[in-house]
Amino acid sequence: MLSSGKINYIPEDILVRLPAAAGAVVIVLGTALYSYWGYGYGFLFKPFELDLSLFGMVRIALSCVAALLLFRALRPSLKDVPDRSSGYAADTLMAGAMAIAAGLLVLVSLVMVFSPEILGPMIEETQPIAAVTDFLLAGAVLTLLATAWRLRASGHFMLFGRIPGFGVLIGLALVTFVLLMEEMSYGQHWLGFGTPEELFAGNIQNETNLHNFYTHRFEAVYYTIAVGCFVVLPWMWPLLARVPLLRDHADYAPPLWMAILAMPVCTLIFEAWHILIFQVYFFLGLFICLHIARQQNWKIRFGLYLLALIYASSQVIFLAEGSELLRGYELSEIRELYIGFSLLAYSLVLYQRAVAVRAQPANADFKSNTASV
């Protein structure tokens, strides 16, 4: 919609969106408070068992309703969404994202059904799952640094028209490097040094890191940022892009296929299932997948519906078989591995965009094609 030559960035249905968002917040806070006062459940309480009581089932239903309201509040109008029903590159990337997400969920589901106990040793430091997580985060750091180098003399990727892309990418690389150091306890297990007793006496796992002083709070923030950046943001970008300030930063917007690639970040839950916001993220991811499917051609649409079925079924399996896990939090470790993978994928997207714009003059009207890469 045009108004004086500019896009009207206030959605026409704002009077529907705001009450929907408020309703989602009220449901989550109200359920959390009742859970605490009536049943002693803290907001980040992890019982490490599935609550199949009437109250537990009502909590799940309320989380689904809250997710539906949040979905309605954030949903981009289909007329705001570019036509992605054709185009070989876009379809190929979307199909690849579907295959990777579905493949991971099917693989983990099969392990949970037939041999869940093998995951326990694999999440130990320097063992396969933990080691792959470290290497993925390291790859993201190197890719972000390479992207920054590409942008060292470029006027593209400017943040707020003042901060050069080179500086922004260096900042992202530093943040990712800190995540890597925290994940690998600053090299403690690779190098074999002990934990300083006085400095880390309150560390839950007796490791040289900071996040294990506040494990549950760190996970809540970390997973929320991951879901927001890699699933919600690429899906609702067409709505956000109506705001001029945000539209000018399209270079940083993840492409739509990343929302599908990162869907496992919304699931892979067992011990944290009773944390309300994680239930909301699970249902929100399902609704987003189904909504994206409506924008695709019939082949991709069928694949996304199949992914949605796998997504929902695998979470049922995780909850049903989670009690067989040796430590209880193995799925969360796989989730963190996949967050590292999603971060690496996003870093590669930024690198590709930097390569594409490097030869263009700084004042060129370059807009990243978020429908593909």
Protein backbone atom coordinates (compact mmCIF):
# COMPACT_ATOMS: atom_id res chain seq x y z
CA MET A 1 0.00 0.00 0.00
CA LEU A 2 1.42 3.39 -0.98
CA SER A 3 1.02 6.62 0.93
CA SER A 4 2.78 9.74 -0.38
CA GLY A 5 5.23 7.51 -2.25
CA LYS A 6 6.13 5.52 0.86
CA ILE A 7 5.01 2.12 2.06
CA ASN A 8 2.56 2.28 4.96
CA TYR A 9 4.32 0.14 7.54
CA ILE A 10 1.41 -0.06 9.99
CA PRO A 11 -0.57 -3.24 9.16
CA GLU A 12 -4.23 -2.63 8.39
CA ASP A 13 -5.18 -5.28 10.96
CA ILE A 14 -3.11 -3.78 13.79
CA LEU A 15 -6.22 -3.80 16.01
CA VAL A 16 -6.25 -7.58 15.65
CA ARG A 17 -2.52 -8.13 16.00
CA LEU A 18 -2.07 -6.17 19.24
CA PRO A 19 -4.82 -7.98 21.18
CA ALA A 20 -3.52 -11.32 19.85
CA ALA A 21 -0.02 -10.56 21.10
CA ALA A 22 -1.38 -9.36 24.43
CA GLY A 23 -3.51 -12.50 24.72
CA ALA A 24 -0.46 -14.71 24.17
CA VAL A 25 1.48 -12.89 26.90
CA VAL A 26 -1.46 -13.06 29.33
CA ILE A 27 -1.91 -16.81 28.75
CA VAL A 28 1.78 -17.59 29.28
CA LEU A 29 2.15 -15.38 32.36
CA GLY A 30 -1.17 -16.49 33.82
CA THR A 31 -0.36 -20.17 33.33
CA ALA A 32 3.14 -19.69 34.74
CA LEU A 33 1.81 -17.95 37.86
CA TYR A 34 -0.89 -20.56 38.44
CA SER A 35 1.69 -23.33 37.93
CA TYR A 36 3.90 -21.74 40.57
CA TRP A 37 1.24 -20.98 43.14
CA GLY A 38 -0.81 -24.13 42.66
CA TYR A 39 1.85 -26.74 41.86
CA GLY A 40 5.21 -25.26 42.80
CA TYR A 41 6.47 -25.15 39.20
CA GLY A 42 9.03 -22.40 38.70
CA PHE A 43 9.05 -20.69 35.31
CA LEU A 44 12.20 -22.60 34.30
CA PHE A 45 11.39 -25.75 36.27
CA LYS A 46 12.61 -29.00 34.68
CA PRO A 47 10.95 -32.08 36.24
CA PHE A 48 12.80 -34.47 33.85
CA GLU A 49 9.56 -36.43 33.45
CA LEU A 50 6.41 -36.04 31.39
CA ASP A 51 3.41 -34.64 33.26
CA LEU A 52 0.36 -36.44 31.86
CA SER A 53 -1.99 -35.19 34.54
CA LEU A 54 -5.05 -33.12 33.64
CA PHE A 55 -3.13 -30.00 34.61
CA GLY A 56 -0.17 -31.00 32.45
CA MET A 57 -2.43 -31.52 29.43
CA VAL A 58 -4.19 -28.18 30.04
CA ARG A 59 -0.80 -26.44 30.12
CA ILE A 60 0.04 -27.92 26.72
CA ALA A 61 -3.32 -26.81 25.32
CA LEU A 62 -2.84 -23.29 26.67
CA SER A 63 0.67 -23.16 25.18
CA CYS A 64 -0.81 -24.12 21.81
CA VAL A 65 -3.41 -21.35 22.09
CA ALA A 66 -0.72 -18.83 23.08
CA ALA A 67 1.39 -19.88 20.09
CA LEU A 68 -1.61 -19.52 17.78
CA LEU A 69 -2.26 -16.01 19.08
CA LEU A 70 1.41 -15.11 18.71
CA PHE A 71 1.37 -16.52 15.20
CA ARG A 72 -1.63 -14.33 14.36
CA ALA A 73 0.09 -11.27 15.81
CA LEU A 74 3.30 -11.78 13.80
CA ARG A 75 1.97 -13.39 10.62
CA PRO A 76 2.91 -11.52 7.44
CA SER A 77 0.01 -10.90 5.13
CA LEU A 78 0.23 -13.08 2.04
CA LYS A 79 0.07 -9.94 -0.12
CA ASP A 80 3.23 -8.71 1.61
CA VAL A 81 5.07 -11.91 0.71
CA PRO A 82 6.93 -12.02 -2.63
CA ASP A 83 5.81 -14.77 -4.97
CA ARG A 84 8.05 -17.75 -4.22
CA SER A 85 5.99 -20.29 -6.14
CA SER A 86 8.58 -20.56 -8.91
CA GLY A 87 12.28 -20.22 -9.42
CA TYR A 88 14.76 -23.07 -9.54
CA ALA A 89 17.24 -21.59 -7.04
CA ALA A 90 14.59 -20.76 -4.43
CA ASP A 91 12.95 -24.17 -4.78
CA THR A 92 16.29 -25.97 -4.58
CA LEU A 93 17.29 -24.15 -1.40
CA MET A 94 13.88 -24.73 0.17
CA ALA A 95 13.98 -28.42 -0.77
CA GLY A 96 17.48 -28.76 0.66
CA ALA A 97 16.43 -27.06 3.89
CA MET A 98 13.45 -29.42 4.18
CA ALA A 99 15.60 -32.48 3.57
CA ILE A 100 18.17 -31.50 6.21
CA ALA A 101 15.60 -30.62 8.87
CA ALA A 102 13.49 -33.71 8.23
CA GLY A 103 16.56 -35.94 8.03
CA LEU A 104 17.84 -34.82 11.42
CA LEU A 105 14.47 -35.26 13.10
CA VAL A 106 13.96 -38.71 11.59
CA LEU A 107 17.48 -39.79 12.57
CA VAL A 108 17.14 -38.62 16.17
CA SER A 109 13.67 -40.16 16.40
CA LEU A 110 14.99 -43.54 15.27
CA VAL A 111 17.79 -43.37 17.82
CA MET A 112 15.28 -42.47 20.54
CA VAL A 113 13.10 -45.45 19.63
CA PHE A 114 15.78 -48.11 19.25
CA SER A 115 18.82 -47.04 21.28
CA PRO A 116 18.48 -43.78 23.24
CA GLU A 117 21.22 -44.77 25.68
CA ILE A 118 23.94 -44.29 23.04
CA LEU A 119 23.39 -40.52 23.11
CA GLY A 120 24.66 -40.17 26.68
CA PRO A 121 28.38 -40.77 26.02
CA MET A 122 28.19 -38.80 22.76
CA ILE A 123 27.39 -35.51 24.50
CA GLU A 124 30.46 -35.61 26.75
CA GLU A 125 33.09 -32.96 26.07
CA THR A 126 35.38 -33.82 23.11
CA GLN A 127 32.93 -36.59 22.10
CA PRO A 128 31.05 -36.47 18.75
CA ILE A 129 28.06 -34.23 19.52
CA ALA A 130 30.01 -31.74 21.62
CA ALA A 131 32.98 -31.76 19.22
CA VAL A 132 30.79 -31.15 16.15
CA THR A 133 29.12 -28.25 17.95
CA ASP A 134 32.54 -26.71 18.59
CA PHE A 135 33.62 -27.13 14.98
CA LEU A 136 30.37 -25.64 13.64
CA LEU A 137 30.73 -22.56 15.83
CA ALA A 138 34.39 -22.27 14.84
CA GLY A 139 33.35 -22.47 11.18
CA ALA A 140 30.83 -19.68 11.77
CA VAL A 141 33.50 -17.49 13.36
CA LEU A 142 35.88 -17.98 10.43
CA THR A 143 33.11 -17.37 7.88
CA LEU A 144 32.03 -14.15 9.61
CA LEU A 145 35.65 -12.96 9.68
CA ALA A 146 36.00 -13.78 5.98
CA THR A 147 32.81 -11.82 5.30
CA ALA A 148 34.13 -8.87 7.29
CA TRP A 149 37.31 -8.94 5.22
CA ARG A 150 35.24 -8.88 2.05
CA LEU A 151 33.46 -5.77 3.32
CA ARG A 152 36.56 -3.95 4.59
CA ALA A 153 36.39 -1.26 1.89
CA SER A 154 32.70 -1.51 1.04
CA GLY A 155 29.86 0.86 1.76
CA HIS A 156 27.37 -1.99 1.84
CA PHE A 157 25.90 -3.68 4.94
CA MET A 158 25.91 -0.33 6.77
CA LEU A 159 24.08 -0.40 10.11
CA PHE A 160 21.88 2.66 10.79
CA GLY A 161 23.80 4.39 8.03
CA ARG A 162 26.79 4.89 10.33
CA ILE A 163 28.41 1.60 11.35
CA PRO A 164 30.28 -0.04 8.45
CA GLY A 165 29.52 -3.64 7.59
CA PHE A 166 33.11 -4.57 8.39
CA GLY A 167 32.58 -3.52 12.03
CA VAL A 168 29.20 -5.25 12.29
CA LEU A 169 30.61 -8.54 11.00
CA ILE A 170 33.59 -8.30 13.35
CA GLY A 171 31.13 -7.81 16.19
CA LEU A 172 29.08 -10.85 15.14
CA ALA A 173 32.29 -12.89 14.89
CA LEU A 174 33.30 -11.83 18.41
CA VAL A 175 29.91 -12.77 19.85
CA THR A 176 30.09 -16.16 18.12
CA PHE A 177 33.64 -16.63 19.38
CA VAL A 178 32.47 -16.06 22.96
CA LEU A 179 29.71 -18.66 22.39
CA LEU A 180 32.38 -21.07 21.12
CA MET A 181 34.61 -20.44 24.13
CA GLU A 182 31.70 -20.93 26.53
CA GLU A 183 30.66 -24.11 24.74
CA MET A 184 34.15 -25.61 24.95
CA SER A 185 34.81 -24.19 28.44
CA TYR A 186 37.64 -22.08 27.01
CA GLY A 187 39.50 -25.18 25.88
CA GLN A 188 39.45 -26.85 29.29
CA HIS A 189 38.59 -30.34 28.08
CA TRP A 190 40.67 -30.17 24.91
CA LEU A 191 43.74 -28.93 26.78
CA GLY A 192 43.09 -30.89 29.96
CA PHE A 193 43.44 -28.18 32.60
CA GLY A 194 41.43 -28.22 35.84
CA THR A 195 38.70 -25.86 37.01
CA PRO A 196 39.94 -23.00 39.23
CA GLU A 197 38.15 -23.78 42.49
CA GLU A 198 37.83 -20.25 43.88
CA LEU A 199 36.59 -18.61 40.68
CA PHE A 200 34.14 -21.31 39.60
CA ALA A 201 33.01 -22.80 42.89
CA GLY A 202 29.32 -22.29 42.05
CA ASN A 203 29.50 -23.76 38.55
CA ILE A 204 26.87 -26.50 38.19
CA GLN A 205 29.12 -28.74 36.07
CA ASN A 206 32.40 -27.66 37.68
CA GLU A 207 33.67 -26.26 34.36
CA THR A 208 35.56 -23.15 33.33
CA ASN A 209 32.64 -21.23 31.87
CA LEU A 210 30.05 -18.68 32.93
CA HIS A 211 26.81 -20.04 31.49
CA ASN A 212 26.71 -23.03 33.84
CA PHE A 213 26.32 -20.69 36.80
CA TYR A 214 22.86 -19.91 35.39
CA THR A 215 22.23 -22.85 33.07
CA HIS A 216 18.44 -22.69 32.83
CA ARG A 217 18.34 -18.92 32.37
CA PHE A 218 21.10 -19.04 29.78
CA GLU A 219 19.30 -21.77 27.83
CA ALA A 220 16.04 -19.81 27.89
CA VAL A 221 17.74 -16.71 26.48
CA TYR A 222 19.94 -18.62 24.02
CA TYR A 223 17.11 -20.72 22.59
CA THR A 224 14.78 -17.71 22.42
CA ILE A 225 17.32 -15.72 20.41
CA ALA A 226 17.93 -18.72 18.11
CA VAL A 227 14.22 -19.26 17.46
CA GLY A 228 13.70 -15.53 16.94
CA CYS A 229 16.61 -15.01 14.55
CA PHE A 230 16.53 -18.22 12.52
CA VAL A 231 12.83 -19.18 12.45
CA VAL A 232 10.61 -16.18 13.22
CA LEU A 233 12.66 -13.41 11.57
CA PRO A 234 12.98 -14.92 8.07
CA TRP A 235 9.29 -15.85 8.11
CA MET A 236 7.98 -12.43 9.17
CA TRP A 237 10.58 -10.36 7.29
CA PRO A 238 8.05 -9.23 4.63
CA LEU A 239 6.06 -7.59 7.44
CA LEU A 240 9.12 -6.06 9.10
CA ALA A 241 10.44 -4.82 5.75
CA ARG A 242 7.52 -2.41 5.56
CA VAL A 243 9.33 -0.33 8.19
CA PRO A 244 11.84 1.92 6.34
CA LEU A 245 14.55 1.61 9.01
CA LEU A 246 14.39 -2.19 8.91
CA ARG A 247 13.99 -2.40 5.14
CA ASP A 248 17.31 -0.62 4.73
CA HIS A 249 18.99 -3.53 6.56
CA ALA A 250 17.73 -6.31 4.30
CA ASP A 251 21.34 -7.45 3.81
CA TYR A 252 21.18 -8.99 7.29
CA ALA A 253 17.74 -10.61 6.95
CA PRO A 254 17.91 -14.43 6.83
CA PRO A 255 16.28 -15.89 3.72
CA LEU A 256 12.93 -17.64 4.02
CA TRP A 257 14.40 -21.12 3.57
CA MET A 258 16.34 -20.62 6.82
CA ALA A 259 13.07 -20.70 8.77
CA ILE A 260 12.58 -24.24 7.46
CA LEU A 261 16.21 -25.25 7.91
CA ALA A 262 16.14 -24.11 11.54
CA MET A 263 12.83 -25.73 12.50
CA PRO A 264 14.54 -28.39 14.67
CA VAL A 265 15.65 -25.52 16.94
CA CYS A 266 11.97 -25.26 18.00
CA THR A 267 11.81 -28.91 19.01
CA LEU A 268 14.33 -31.54 20.26
CA ILE A 269 12.89 -31.15 23.75
CA PHE A 270 12.46 -33.57 26.62
CA GLU A 271 13.65 -32.38 30.02
CA ALA A 272 12.69 -28.75 29.24
CA TRP A 273 9.25 -29.55 27.79
CA HIS A 274 7.41 -28.17 30.83
CA ILE A 275 9.00 -24.75 30.38
CA LEU A 276 6.05 -22.92 28.87
CA ILE A 277 7.95 -20.76 26.41
CA PHE A 278 9.54 -23.85 24.86
CA GLN A 279 6.11 -25.37 24.31
CA VAL A 280 5.02 -22.10 22.69
CA TYR A 281 8.09 -22.15 20.41
CA PHE A 282 7.30 -25.72 19.37
CA PHE A 283 3.74 -24.92 18.32
CA LEU A 284 4.78 -21.61 16.74
CA GLY A 285 7.35 -23.46 14.60
CA LEU A 286 4.63 -25.83 13.42
CA PHE A 287 2.30 -22.98 12.48
CA ILE A 288 5.09 -21.16 10.65
CA CYS A 289 5.92 -24.25 8.60
CA LEU A 290 2.29 -24.67 7.56
CA HIS A 291 2.00 -20.98 6.69
CA ILE A 292 5.15 -21.02 4.55
CA ALA A 293 3.76 -24.07 2.75
CA ARG A 294 0.82 -22.00 1.52
CA GLN A 295 3.24 -19.75 -0.39
CA GLN A 296 4.96 -22.52 -2.33
CA ASN A 297 4.28 -24.55 -5.48
CA TRP A 298 2.60 -27.90 -4.99
CA LYS A 299 5.82 -29.94 -4.84
CA ILE A 300 7.41 -27.81 -2.13
CA ARG A 301 4.05 -27.51 -0.37
CA PHE A 302 3.76 -31.29 -0.16
CA GLY A 303 7.29 -31.53 1.21
CA LEU A 304 6.57 -28.90 3.88
CA TYR A 305 3.40 -30.68 4.95
CA LEU A 306 5.43 -33.87 5.26
CA LEU A 307 8.05 -31.99 7.30
CA ALA A 308 5.31 -30.65 9.58
CA LEU A 309 4.11 -34.21 10.16
CA ILE A 310 7.65 -35.40 10.94
CA TYR A 311 8.19 -32.38 13.19
CA ALA A 312 5.08 -33.08 15.27
CA SER A 313 5.56 -36.86 15.34
CA SER A 314 9.20 -36.64 16.37
CA GLN A 315 8.35 -34.44 19.36
CA VAL A 316 5.81 -37.02 20.50
CA ILE A 317 8.55 -39.65 20.26
CA PHE A 318 10.99 -37.46 22.20
CA LEU A 319 8.49 -37.08 25.03
CA ALA A 320 7.47 -40.75 25.01
CA GLU A 321 11.02 -42.12 24.97
CA GLY A 322 12.86 -39.38 26.85
CA SER A 323 12.77 -41.24 30.14
CA GLU A 324 15.17 -43.78 28.59
CA LEU A 325 17.91 -41.19 28.18
CA LEU A 326 20.88 -41.63 30.51
CA ARG A 327 21.22 -37.97 31.46
CA GLY A 328 17.92 -36.52 30.34
CA TYR A 329 19.32 -33.50 28.51
CA GLU A 330 20.86 -35.22 25.47
CA LEU A 331 18.26 -33.72 23.13
CA SER A 332 19.12 -30.22 24.33
CA GLU A 333 22.75 -30.88 23.42
CA ILE A 334 21.68 -31.93 19.91
CA ARG A 335 19.59 -28.78 19.75
CA GLU A 336 22.64 -26.69 20.59
CA LEU A 337 24.58 -28.51 17.88
CA TYR A 338 21.86 -27.57 15.42
CA ILE A 339 21.90 -23.95 16.55
CA GLY A 340 25.60 -23.97 15.68
CA PHE A 341 24.75 -25.42 12.28
CA SER A 342 22.09 -22.75 11.70
CA LEU A 343 24.53 -20.03 12.68
CA LEU A 344 27.09 -21.41 10.21
CA ALA A 345 24.44 -21.49 7.47
CA TYR A 346 23.52 -17.86 8.18
CA SER A 347 27.21 -16.90 8.12
CA LEU A 348 27.55 -18.49 4.70
CA VAL A 349 24.51 -16.53 3.48
CA LEU A 350 26.15 -13.28 4.60
CA TYR A 351 29.40 -14.29 2.92
CA GLN A 352 27.61 -15.02 -0.36
CA ARG A 353 25.88 -11.65 -0.22
CA ALA A 354 29.16 -9.88 0.51
CA VAL A 355 30.75 -11.53 -2.50
CA ALA A 356 27.79 -10.48 -4.64
CA VAL A 357 28.01 -6.79 -3.70
CA ARG A 358 31.75 -6.33 -3.46
CA ALA A 359 32.13 -5.19 -7.06
CA GLN A 360 29.20 -2.77 -6.84
CA PRO A 361 29.60 0.90 -5.94
CA ALA A 362 28.61 1.88 -2.41
CA ASN A 363 25.59 3.86 -3.62
CA ALA A 364 24.20 1.01 -5.73
CA ASP A 365 20.62 0.09 -4.99
CA PHE A 366 21.40 -3.45 -3.92
CA LYS A 367 18.72 -5.40 -2.12
CA SER A 368 19.41 -8.92 -0.95
CA ASN A 369 17.03 -11.44 -2.42
CA THR A 370 15.72 -13.02 0.75
CA ALA A 371 13.57 -15.37 -1.30
CA SER A 372 16.65 -17.31 -2.28
CA VAL A 373 19.93 -16.31 -0.66
